[in-house]
Amino acid sequence: MNKHIIRFTQSNYQPISLEKHQKLSEYLTVQNSPVLFGCRTGICGTCLVVVEGDIPPPSEEEKEILEIFAPGNEQARLACQIDLTNDIDIKIYAG
């Protein structure tokens, strides 16, 4: 299977390697994550991040949440909803 690298550019966390289409929220836990997760279902906005890299566009449901928490930011995504298809860099959303 294809593995992709996720780099956390504003932290001391080491890059991780995940399978294509694996969800970050399935791999990252409180112990090993620079990203905070809340509901892990895409409705709370806790895991809001900025993504640099090519990934599929957000679903309509995710777009609605992004309009509330990060209006106008095209790179903002919910980490729990990212469909991993390429290497990406992640920054915690600072507003």
PDB file of N, CA and C in Angstrom:
ATOM      1  N   MET A   1       0.837  -1.196   0.000  1.00  0.00           N
ATOM      2  CA  MET A   1       0.000   0.000   0.000  1.00  0.00           C
ATOM      3  C   MET A   1       0.870   1.245   0.000  1.00  0.00           C
ATOM      4  N   ASN A   2       0.293   2.315  -0.466  1.00  0.00           N
ATOM      5  CA  ASN A   2       0.990   3.590  -0.465  1.00  0.00           C
ATOM      6  C   ASN A   2       0.961   4.211   0.916  1.00  0.00           C
ATOM      7  N   LYS A   3       2.103   4.688   1.360  1.00  0.00           N
ATOM      8  CA  LYS A   3       2.175   5.422   2.622  1.00  0.00           C
ATOM      9  C   LYS A   3       2.442   6.881   2.304  1.00  0.00           C
ATOM     10  N   HIS A   4       1.892   7.750   3.150  1.00  0.00           N
ATOM     11  CA  HIS A   4       2.083   9.184   2.978  1.00  0.00           C
ATOM     12  C   HIS A   4       2.612   9.788   4.269  1.00  0.00           C
ATOM     13  N   ILE A   5       3.418  10.821   4.115  1.00  0.00           N
ATOM     14  CA  ILE A   5       4.061  11.483   5.242  1.00  0.00           C
ATOM     15  C   ILE A   5       3.231  12.695   5.660  1.00  0.00           C
ATOM     16  N   ILE A   6       3.008  12.819   6.963  1.00  0.00           N
ATOM     17  CA  ILE A   6       2.339  13.983   7.533  1.00  0.00           C
ATOM     18  C   ILE A   6       3.361  14.667   8.427  1.00  0.00           C
ATOM     19  N   ARG A   7       3.638  15.934   8.114  1.00  0.00           N
ATOM     20  CA  ARG A   7       4.585  16.717   8.906  1.00  0.00           C
ATOM     21  C   ARG A   7       3.806  17.763   9.696  1.00  0.00           C
ATOM     22  N   PHE A   8       4.175  17.952  10.950  1.00  0.00           N
ATOM     23  CA  PHE A   8       3.552  18.950  11.821  1.00  0.00           C
ATOM     24  C   PHE A   8       4.531  20.111  11.912  1.00  0.00           C
ATOM     25  N   THR A   9       4.330  21.123  11.076  1.00  0.00           N
ATOM     26  CA  THR A   9       5.361  22.130  10.833  1.00  0.00           C
ATOM     27  C   THR A   9       5.580  23.112  11.974  1.00  0.00           C
ATOM     28  N   GLN A  10       4.674  23.236  12.900  1.00  0.00           N
ATOM     29  CA  GLN A  10       4.853  24.190  13.994  1.00  0.00           C
ATOM     30  C   GLN A  10       5.009  23.488  15.340  1.00  0.00           C
ATOM     31  N   SER A  11       5.582  22.314  15.327  1.00  0.00           N
ATOM     32  CA  SER A  11       5.739  21.583  16.582  1.00  0.00           C
ATOM     33  C   SER A  11       7.010  20.744  16.530  1.00  0.00           C
ATOM     34  N   ASN A  12       7.338  20.146  17.644  1.00  0.00           N
ATOM     35  CA  ASN A  12       8.497  19.263  17.719  1.00  0.00           C
ATOM     36  C   ASN A  12       8.133  17.812  17.429  1.00  0.00           C
ATOM     37  N   TYR A  13       6.886  17.563  17.062  1.00  0.00           N
ATOM     38  CA  TYR A  13       6.461  16.197  16.768  1.00  0.00           C
ATOM     39  C   TYR A  13       7.118  15.708  15.487  1.00  0.00           C
ATOM     40  N   GLN A  14       7.538  14.475  15.522  1.00  0.00           N
ATOM     41  CA  GLN A  14       8.152  13.859  14.354  1.00  0.00           C
ATOM     42  C   GLN A  14       7.090  13.592  13.287  1.00  0.00           C
ATOM     43  N   PRO A  15       7.481  13.629  12.015  1.00  0.00           N
ATOM     44  CA  PRO A  15       6.532  13.264  10.960  1.00  0.00           C
ATOM     45  C   PRO A  15       6.030  11.835  11.169  1.00  0.00           C
ATOM     46  N   ILE A  16       4.842  11.578  10.690  1.00  0.00           N
ATOM     47  CA  ILE A  16       4.282  10.232  10.761  1.00  0.00           C
ATOM     48  C   ILE A  16       3.986   9.744   9.351  1.00  0.00           C
ATOM     49  N   SER A  17       3.884   8.454   9.202  1.00  0.00           N
ATOM     50  CA  SER A  17       3.610   7.828   7.920  1.00  0.00           C
ATOM     51  C   SER A  17       2.329   7.012   8.054  1.00  0.00           C
ATOM     52  N   LEU A  18       1.349   7.322   7.209  1.00  0.00           N
ATOM     53  CA  LEU A  18       0.063   6.628   7.253  1.00  0.00           C
ATOM     54  C   LEU A  18      -0.294   6.076   5.886  1.00  0.00           C
ATOM     55  N   GLU A  19      -1.131   5.067   5.891  1.00  0.00           N
ATOM     56  CA  GLU A  19      -1.631   4.480   4.648  1.00  0.00           C
ATOM     57  C   GLU A  19      -2.556   5.465   3.930  1.00  0.00           C
ATOM     58  N   LYS A  20      -2.630   5.327   2.631  1.00  0.00           N
ATOM     59  CA  LYS A  20      -3.550   6.130   1.835  1.00  0.00           C
ATOM     60  C   LYS A  20      -4.969   5.939   2.366  1.00  0.00           C
ATOM     61  N   HIS A  21      -5.700   7.021   2.515  1.00  0.00           N
ATOM     62  CA  HIS A  21      -7.086   7.087   2.994  1.00  0.00           C
ATOM     63  C   HIS A  21      -7.237   6.814   4.491  1.00  0.00           C
ATOM     64  N   GLN A  22      -6.124   6.600   5.208  1.00  0.00           N
ATOM     65  CA  GLN A  22      -6.238   6.431   6.659  1.00  0.00           C
ATOM     66  C   GLN A  22      -6.550   7.785   7.287  1.00  0.00           C
ATOM     67  N   LYS A  23      -7.416   7.790   8.276  1.00  0.00           N
ATOM     68  CA  LYS A  23      -7.810   9.022   8.966  1.00  0.00           C
ATOM     69  C   LYS A  23      -6.812   9.337  10.076  1.00  0.00           C
ATOM     70  N   LEU A  24      -6.424  10.601  10.169  1.00  0.00           N
ATOM     71  CA  LEU A  24      -5.531  11.025  11.248  1.00  0.00           C
ATOM     72  C   LEU A  24      -6.131  10.722  12.608  1.00  0.00           C
ATOM     73  N   SER A  25      -7.431  10.917  12.729  1.00  0.00           N
ATOM     74  CA  SER A  25      -8.094  10.719  14.026  1.00  0.00           C
ATOM     75  C   SER A  25      -8.097   9.254  14.456  1.00  0.00           C
ATOM     76  N   GLU A  26      -7.889   8.332  13.524  1.00  0.00           N
ATOM     77  CA  GLU A  26      -7.801   6.914  13.870  1.00  0.00           C
ATOM     78  C   GLU A  26      -6.402   6.551  14.370  1.00  0.00           C
ATOM     79  N   TYR A  27      -5.415   7.338  13.989  1.00  0.00           N
ATOM     80  CA  TYR A  27      -4.032   7.044  14.359  1.00  0.00           C
ATOM     81  C   TYR A  27      -3.571   7.856  15.568  1.00  0.00           C
ATOM     82  N   LEU A  28      -3.898   9.146  15.573  1.00  0.00           N
ATOM     83  CA  LEU A  28      -3.406  10.036  16.622  1.00  0.00           C
ATOM     84  C   LEU A  28      -4.240   9.926  17.889  1.00  0.00           C
ATOM     85  N   THR A  29      -3.544   9.908  19.024  1.00  0.00           N
ATOM     86  CA  THR A  29      -4.206   9.836  20.323  1.00  0.00           C
ATOM     87  C   THR A  29      -3.750  11.010  21.180  1.00  0.00           C
ATOM     88  N   VAL A  30      -4.285  11.120  22.364  1.00  0.00           N
ATOM     89  CA  VAL A  30      -3.877  12.182  23.284  1.00  0.00           C
ATOM     90  C   VAL A  30      -2.375  12.103  23.549  1.00  0.00           C
ATOM     91  N   GLN A  31      -1.837  10.907  23.597  1.00  0.00           N
ATOM     92  CA  GLN A  31      -0.428  10.714  23.913  1.00  0.00           C
ATOM     93  C   GLN A  31       0.516  11.077  22.766  1.00  0.00           C
ATOM     94  N   ASN A  32       0.085  10.928  21.519  1.00  0.00           N
ATOM     95  CA  ASN A  32       1.029  11.114  20.414  1.00  0.00           C
ATOM     96  C   ASN A  32       0.620  12.192  19.416  1.00  0.00           C
ATOM     97  N   SER A  33      -0.281  13.089  19.788  1.00  0.00           N
ATOM     98  CA  SER A  33      -0.816  14.027  18.810  1.00  0.00           C
ATOM     99  C   SER A  33      -0.551  15.489  19.151  1.00  0.00           C
ATOM    100  N   PRO A  34      -0.027  16.241  18.183  1.00  0.00           N
ATOM    101  CA  PRO A  34       0.045  17.687  18.353  1.00  0.00           C
ATOM    102  C   PRO A  34      -1.297  18.352  18.044  1.00  0.00           C
ATOM    103  N   VAL A  35      -2.224  17.592  17.480  1.00  0.00           N
ATOM    104  CA  VAL A  35      -3.556  18.097  17.136  1.00  0.00           C
ATOM    105  C   VAL A  35      -4.534  17.659  18.212  1.00  0.00           C
ATOM    106  N   LEU A  36      -5.298  18.608  18.736  1.00  0.00           N
ATOM    107  CA  LEU A  36      -6.345  18.253  19.693  1.00  0.00           C
ATOM    108  C   LEU A  36      -7.574  17.783  18.935  1.00  0.00           C
ATOM    109  N   PHE A  37      -8.167  16.709  19.397  1.00  0.00           N
ATOM    110  CA  PHE A  37      -9.403  16.210  18.810  1.00  0.00           C
ATOM    111  C   PHE A  37     -10.495  16.275  19.856  1.00  0.00           C
ATOM    112  N   GLY A  38     -11.705  16.567  19.417  1.00  0.00           N
ATOM    113  CA  GLY A  38     -12.857  16.556  20.307  1.00  0.00           C
ATOM    114  C   GLY A  38     -13.753  15.392  19.940  1.00  0.00           C
ATOM    115  N   CYS A  39     -14.747  15.677  19.107  1.00  0.00           N
ATOM    116  CA  CYS A  39     -15.751  14.670  18.756  1.00  0.00           C
ATOM    117  C   CYS A  39     -15.241  13.611  17.776  1.00  0.00           C
ATOM    118  N   ARG A  40     -14.230  13.956  16.979  1.00  0.00           N
ATOM    119  CA  ARG A  40     -13.677  13.084  15.932  1.00  0.00           C
ATOM    120  C   ARG A  40     -14.691  12.732  14.839  1.00  0.00           C
ATOM    121  N   THR A  41     -15.769  13.501  14.762  1.00  0.00           N
ATOM    122  CA  THR A  41     -16.791  13.258  13.738  1.00  0.00           C
ATOM    123  C   THR A  41     -17.015  14.455  12.823  1.00  0.00           C
ATOM    124  N   GLY A  42     -16.296  15.554  13.040  1.00  0.00           N
ATOM    125  CA  GLY A  42     -16.392  16.697  12.144  1.00  0.00           C
ATOM    126  C   GLY A  42     -17.430  17.734  12.503  1.00  0.00           C
ATOM    127  N   ILE A  43     -17.880  17.776  13.751  1.00  0.00           N
ATOM    128  CA  ILE A  43     -18.897  18.774  14.094  1.00  0.00           C
ATOM    129  C   ILE A  43     -18.473  19.785  15.151  1.00  0.00           C
ATOM    130  N   CYS A  44     -17.380  19.533  15.881  1.00  0.00           N
ATOM    131  CA  CYS A  44     -17.039  20.438  16.989  1.00  0.00           C
ATOM    132  C   CYS A  44     -16.008  21.501  16.618  1.00  0.00           C
ATOM    133  N   GLY A  45     -15.181  21.271  15.608  1.00  0.00           N
ATOM    134  CA  GLY A  45     -14.170  22.240  15.203  1.00  0.00           C
ATOM    135  C   GLY A  45     -12.900  22.227  16.028  1.00  0.00           C
ATOM    136  N   THR A  46     -12.776  21.345  16.999  1.00  0.00           N
ATOM    137  CA  THR A  46     -11.595  21.304  17.866  1.00  0.00           C
ATOM    138  C   THR A  46     -10.323  21.011  17.080  1.00  0.00           C
ATOM    139  N   CYS A  47     -10.394  20.174  16.077  1.00  0.00           N
ATOM    140  CA  CYS A  47      -9.204  19.732  15.342  1.00  0.00           C
ATOM    141  C   CYS A  47      -8.923  20.582  14.098  1.00  0.00           C
ATOM    142  N   LEU A  48      -9.320  21.832  14.127  1.00  0.00           N
ATOM    143  CA  LEU A  48      -9.115  22.730  12.993  1.00  0.00           C
ATOM    144  C   LEU A  48      -7.625  22.936  12.738  1.00  0.00           C
ATOM    145  N   VAL A  49      -7.201  22.696  11.517  1.00  0.00           N
ATOM    146  CA  VAL A  49      -5.800  22.832  11.123  1.00  0.00           C
ATOM    147  C   VAL A  49      -5.716  23.526   9.768  1.00  0.00           C
ATOM    148  N   VAL A  50      -4.508  23.938   9.417  1.00  0.00           N
ATOM    149  CA  VAL A  50      -4.216  24.453   8.083  1.00  0.00           C
ATOM    150  C   VAL A  50      -3.382  23.388   7.383  1.00  0.00           C
ATOM    151  N   VAL A  51      -3.802  23.008   6.193  1.00  0.00           N
ATOM    152  CA  VAL A  51      -3.139  21.933   5.449  1.00  0.00           C
ATOM    153  C   VAL A  51      -2.441  22.505   4.226  1.00  0.00           C
ATOM    154  N   GLU A  52      -1.181  22.132   4.067  1.00  0.00           N
ATOM    155  CA  GLU A  52      -0.441  22.433   2.851  1.00  0.00           C
ATOM    156  C   GLU A  52      -0.166  21.108   2.166  1.00  0.00           C
ATOM    157  N   GLY A  53      -0.703  20.958   0.990  1.00  0.00           N
ATOM    158  CA  GLY A  53      -0.565  19.710   0.254  1.00  0.00           C
ATOM    159  C   GLY A  53      -1.863  19.419  -0.468  1.00  0.00           C
ATOM    160  N   ASP A  54      -1.808  18.470  -1.362  1.00  0.00           N
ATOM    161  CA  ASP A  54      -2.955  18.155  -2.210  1.00  0.00           C
ATOM    162  C   ASP A  54      -3.788  17.043  -1.583  1.00  0.00           C
ATOM    163  N   ILE A  55      -4.987  17.394  -1.143  1.00  0.00           N
ATOM    164  CA  ILE A  55      -5.935  16.414  -0.602  1.00  0.00           C
ATOM    165  C   ILE A  55      -7.300  16.681  -1.224  1.00  0.00           C
ATOM    166  N   PRO A  56      -8.192  15.709  -1.187  1.00  0.00           N
ATOM    167  CA  PRO A  56      -9.525  15.920  -1.740  1.00  0.00           C
ATOM    168  C   PRO A  56     -10.244  17.072  -1.030  1.00  0.00           C
ATOM    169  N   PRO A  57     -11.145  17.745  -1.728  1.00  0.00           N
ATOM    170  CA  PRO A  57     -11.871  18.864  -1.118  1.00  0.00           C
ATOM    171  C   PRO A  57     -12.759  18.391   0.029  1.00  0.00           C
ATOM    172  N   PRO A  58     -13.128  19.319   0.918  1.00  0.00           N
ATOM    173  CA  PRO A  58     -14.000  18.942   2.034  1.00  0.00           C
ATOM    174  C   PRO A  58     -15.400  18.570   1.554  1.00  0.00           C
ATOM    175  N   SER A  59     -16.053  17.731   2.331  1.00  0.00           N
ATOM    176  CA  SER A  59     -17.452  17.382   2.049  1.00  0.00           C
ATOM    177  C   SER A  59     -18.330  18.604   2.318  1.00  0.00           C
ATOM    178  N   GLU A  60     -19.559  18.551   1.896  1.00  0.00           N
ATOM    179  CA  GLU A  60     -20.489  19.658   2.153  1.00  0.00           C
ATOM    180  C   GLU A  60     -20.665  19.884   3.648  1.00  0.00           C
ATOM    181  N   GLU A  61     -20.710  18.807   4.420  1.00  0.00           N
ATOM    182  CA  GLU A  61     -20.860  18.924   5.872  1.00  0.00           C
ATOM    183  C   GLU A  61     -19.644  19.603   6.488  1.00  0.00           C
ATOM    184  N   GLU A  62     -18.449  19.208   6.042  1.00  0.00           N
ATOM    185  CA  GLU A  62     -17.237  19.836   6.562  1.00  0.00           C
ATOM    186  C   GLU A  62     -17.186  21.305   6.163  1.00  0.00           C
ATOM    187  N   LYS A  63     -17.591  21.629   4.936  1.00  0.00           N
ATOM    188  CA  LYS A  63     -17.613  23.026   4.490  1.00  0.00           C
ATOM    189  C   LYS A  63     -18.468  23.888   5.408  1.00  0.00           C
ATOM    190  N   GLU A  64     -19.605  23.364   5.837  1.00  0.00           N
ATOM    191  CA  GLU A  64     -20.480  24.121   6.739  1.00  0.00           C
ATOM    192  C   GLU A  64     -19.771  24.440   8.050  1.00  0.00           C
ATOM    193  N   ILE A  65     -19.066  23.471   8.607  1.00  0.00           N
ATOM    194  CA  ILE A  65     -18.334  23.687   9.863  1.00  0.00           C
ATOM    195  C   ILE A  65     -17.183  24.658   9.635  1.00  0.00           C
ATOM    196  N   LEU A  66     -16.470  24.527   8.521  1.00  0.00           N
ATOM    197  CA  LEU A  66     -15.355  25.422   8.220  1.00  0.00           C
ATOM    198  C   LEU A  66     -15.824  26.859   8.043  1.00  0.00           C
ATOM    199  N   GLU A  67     -17.006  27.061   7.484  1.00  0.00           N
ATOM    200  CA  GLU A  67     -17.550  28.414   7.334  1.00  0.00           C
ATOM    201  C   GLU A  67     -17.791  29.069   8.689  1.00  0.00           C
ATOM    202  N   ILE A  68     -18.073  28.275   9.700  1.00  0.00           N
ATOM    203  CA  ILE A  68     -18.291  28.799  11.053  1.00  0.00           C
ATOM    204  C   ILE A  68     -16.961  29.122  11.729  1.00  0.00           C
ATOM    205  N   PHE A  69     -16.011  28.185  11.689  1.00  0.00           N
ATOM    206  CA  PHE A  69     -14.780  28.307  12.460  1.00  0.00           C
ATOM    207  C   PHE A  69     -13.610  28.953  11.717  1.00  0.00           C
ATOM    208  N   ALA A  70     -13.611  28.924  10.393  1.00  0.00           N
ATOM    209  CA  ALA A  70     -12.493  29.482   9.615  1.00  0.00           C
ATOM    210  C   ALA A  70     -13.005  30.087   8.314  1.00  0.00           C
ATOM    211  N   PRO A  71     -13.911  31.059   8.417  1.00  0.00           N
ATOM    212  CA  PRO A  71     -14.500  31.613   7.198  1.00  0.00           C
ATOM    213  C   PRO A  71     -13.438  32.222   6.277  1.00  0.00           C
ATOM    214  N   GLY A  72     -13.495  31.847   5.008  1.00  0.00           N
ATOM    215  CA  GLY A  72     -12.598  32.404   4.008  1.00  0.00           C
ATOM    216  C   GLY A  72     -11.215  31.783   3.936  1.00  0.00           C
ATOM    217  N   ASN A  73     -10.887  30.860   4.805  1.00  0.00           N
ATOM    218  CA  ASN A  73      -9.566  30.234   4.777  1.00  0.00           C
ATOM    219  C   ASN A  73      -9.656  28.931   3.984  1.00  0.00           C
ATOM    220  N   GLU A  74      -9.151  28.965   2.760  1.00  0.00           N
ATOM    221  CA  GLU A  74      -9.246  27.814   1.859  1.00  0.00           C
ATOM    222  C   GLU A  74      -8.361  26.643   2.280  1.00  0.00           C
ATOM    223  N   GLN A  75      -7.355  26.899   3.122  1.00  0.00           N
ATOM    224  CA  GLN A  75      -6.465  25.822   3.564  1.00  0.00           C
ATOM    225  C   GLN A  75      -6.924  25.194   4.876  1.00  0.00           C
ATOM    226  N   ALA A  76      -7.921  25.766   5.517  1.00  0.00           N
ATOM    227  CA  ALA A  76      -8.401  25.230   6.796  1.00  0.00           C
ATOM    228  C   ALA A  76      -9.152  23.927   6.556  1.00  0.00           C
ATOM    229  N   ARG A  77      -8.902  22.971   7.427  1.00  0.00           N
ATOM    230  CA  ARG A  77      -9.586  21.679   7.366  1.00  0.00           C
ATOM    231  C   ARG A  77      -9.765  21.143   8.777  1.00  0.00           C
ATOM    232  N   LEU A  78     -10.686  20.213   8.914  1.00  0.00           N
ATOM    233  CA  LEU A  78     -10.851  19.479  10.161  1.00  0.00           C
ATOM    234  C   LEU A  78      -9.972  18.240  10.058  1.00  0.00           C
ATOM    235  N   ALA A  79      -9.004  18.124  10.958  1.00  0.00           N
ATOM    236  CA  ALA A  79      -8.042  17.018  10.873  1.00  0.00           C
ATOM    237  C   ALA A  79      -8.734  15.662  10.893  1.00  0.00           C
ATOM    238  N   CYS A  80      -9.847  15.561  11.600  1.00  0.00           N
ATOM    239  CA  CYS A  80     -10.546  14.272  11.688  1.00  0.00           C
ATOM    240  C   CYS A  80     -11.228  13.877  10.386  1.00  0.00           C
ATOM    241  N   GLN A  81     -11.347  14.818   9.448  1.00  0.00           N
ATOM    242  CA  GLN A  81     -12.049  14.538   8.200  1.00  0.00           C
ATOM    243  C   GLN A  81     -11.132  14.431   6.985  1.00  0.00           C
ATOM    244  N   ILE A  82      -9.842  14.643   7.173  1.00  0.00           N
ATOM    245  CA  ILE A  82      -8.914  14.623   6.041  1.00  0.00           C
ATOM    246  C   ILE A  82      -8.816  13.218   5.449  1.00  0.00           C
ATOM    247  N   ASP A  83      -9.013  13.145   4.131  1.00  0.00           N
ATOM    248  CA  ASP A  83      -8.827  11.900   3.385  1.00  0.00           C
ATOM    249  C   ASP A  83      -7.402  11.936   2.844  1.00  0.00           C
ATOM    250  N   LEU A  84      -6.528  11.193   3.454  1.00  0.00           N
ATOM    251  CA  LEU A  84      -5.107  11.259   3.148  1.00  0.00           C
ATOM    252  C   LEU A  84      -4.813  10.592   1.808  1.00  0.00           C
ATOM    253  N   THR A  85      -4.382  11.401   0.835  1.00  0.00           N
ATOM    254  CA  THR A  85      -4.058  10.881  -0.488  1.00  0.00           C
ATOM    255  C   THR A  85      -2.664  11.284  -0.953  1.00  0.00           C
ATOM    256  N   ASN A  86      -2.012  12.176  -0.219  1.00  0.00           N
ATOM    257  CA  ASN A  86      -0.670  12.652  -0.551  1.00  0.00           C
ATOM    258  C   ASN A  86       0.052  13.046   0.726  1.00  0.00           C
ATOM    259  N   ASP A  87       1.347  13.330   0.602  1.00  0.00           N
ATOM    260  CA  ASP A  87       2.085  13.888   1.727  1.00  0.00           C
ATOM    261  C   ASP A  87       1.522  15.277   2.023  1.00  0.00           C
ATOM    262  N   ILE A  88       1.430  15.625   3.311  1.00  0.00           N
ATOM    263  CA  ILE A  88       0.907  16.936   3.686  1.00  0.00           C
ATOM    264  C   ILE A  88       1.691  17.521   4.857  1.00  0.00           C
ATOM    265  N   ASP A  89       1.613  18.845   4.969  1.00  0.00           N
ATOM    266  CA  ASP A  89       2.110  19.569   6.133  1.00  0.00           C
ATOM    267  C   ASP A  89       0.896  20.111   6.865  1.00  0.00           C
ATOM    268  N   ILE A  90       0.926  20.018   8.190  1.00  0.00           N
ATOM    269  CA  ILE A  90      -0.193  20.479   9.009  1.00  0.00           C
ATOM    270  C   ILE A  90       0.302  21.511  10.008  1.00  0.00           C
ATOM    271  N   LYS A  91      -0.443  22.606  10.106  1.00  0.00           N
ATOM    272  CA  LYS A  91      -0.219  23.621  11.130  1.00  0.00           C
ATOM    273  C   LYS A  91      -1.504  23.746  11.930  1.00  0.00           C
ATOM    274  N   ILE A  92      -1.374  23.985  13.216  1.00  0.00           N
ATOM    275  CA  ILE A  92      -2.555  24.221  14.042  1.00  0.00           C
ATOM    276  C   ILE A  92      -3.147  25.562  13.630  1.00  0.00           C
ATOM    277  N   TYR A  93      -4.441  25.618  13.451  1.00  0.00           N
ATOM    278  CA  TYR A  93      -5.121  26.845  13.033  1.00  0.00           C
ATOM    279  C   TYR A  93      -5.043  27.877  14.149  1.00  0.00           C
ATOM    280  N   ALA A  94      -4.599  29.071  13.813  1.00  0.00           N
ATOM    281  CA  ALA A  94      -4.433  30.123  14.818  1.00  0.00           C
ATOM    282  C   ALA A  94      -5.502  31.203  14.726  1.00  0.00           C
ATOM    283  N   GLY A  95      -6.405  31.087  13.782  1.00  0.00           N
ATOM    284  CA  GLY A  95      -7.474  32.075  13.663  1.00  0.00           C
ATOM    285  C   GLY A  95      -7.013  33.241  12.951  1.00  0.00           C
TER     286      GLY A  95
END
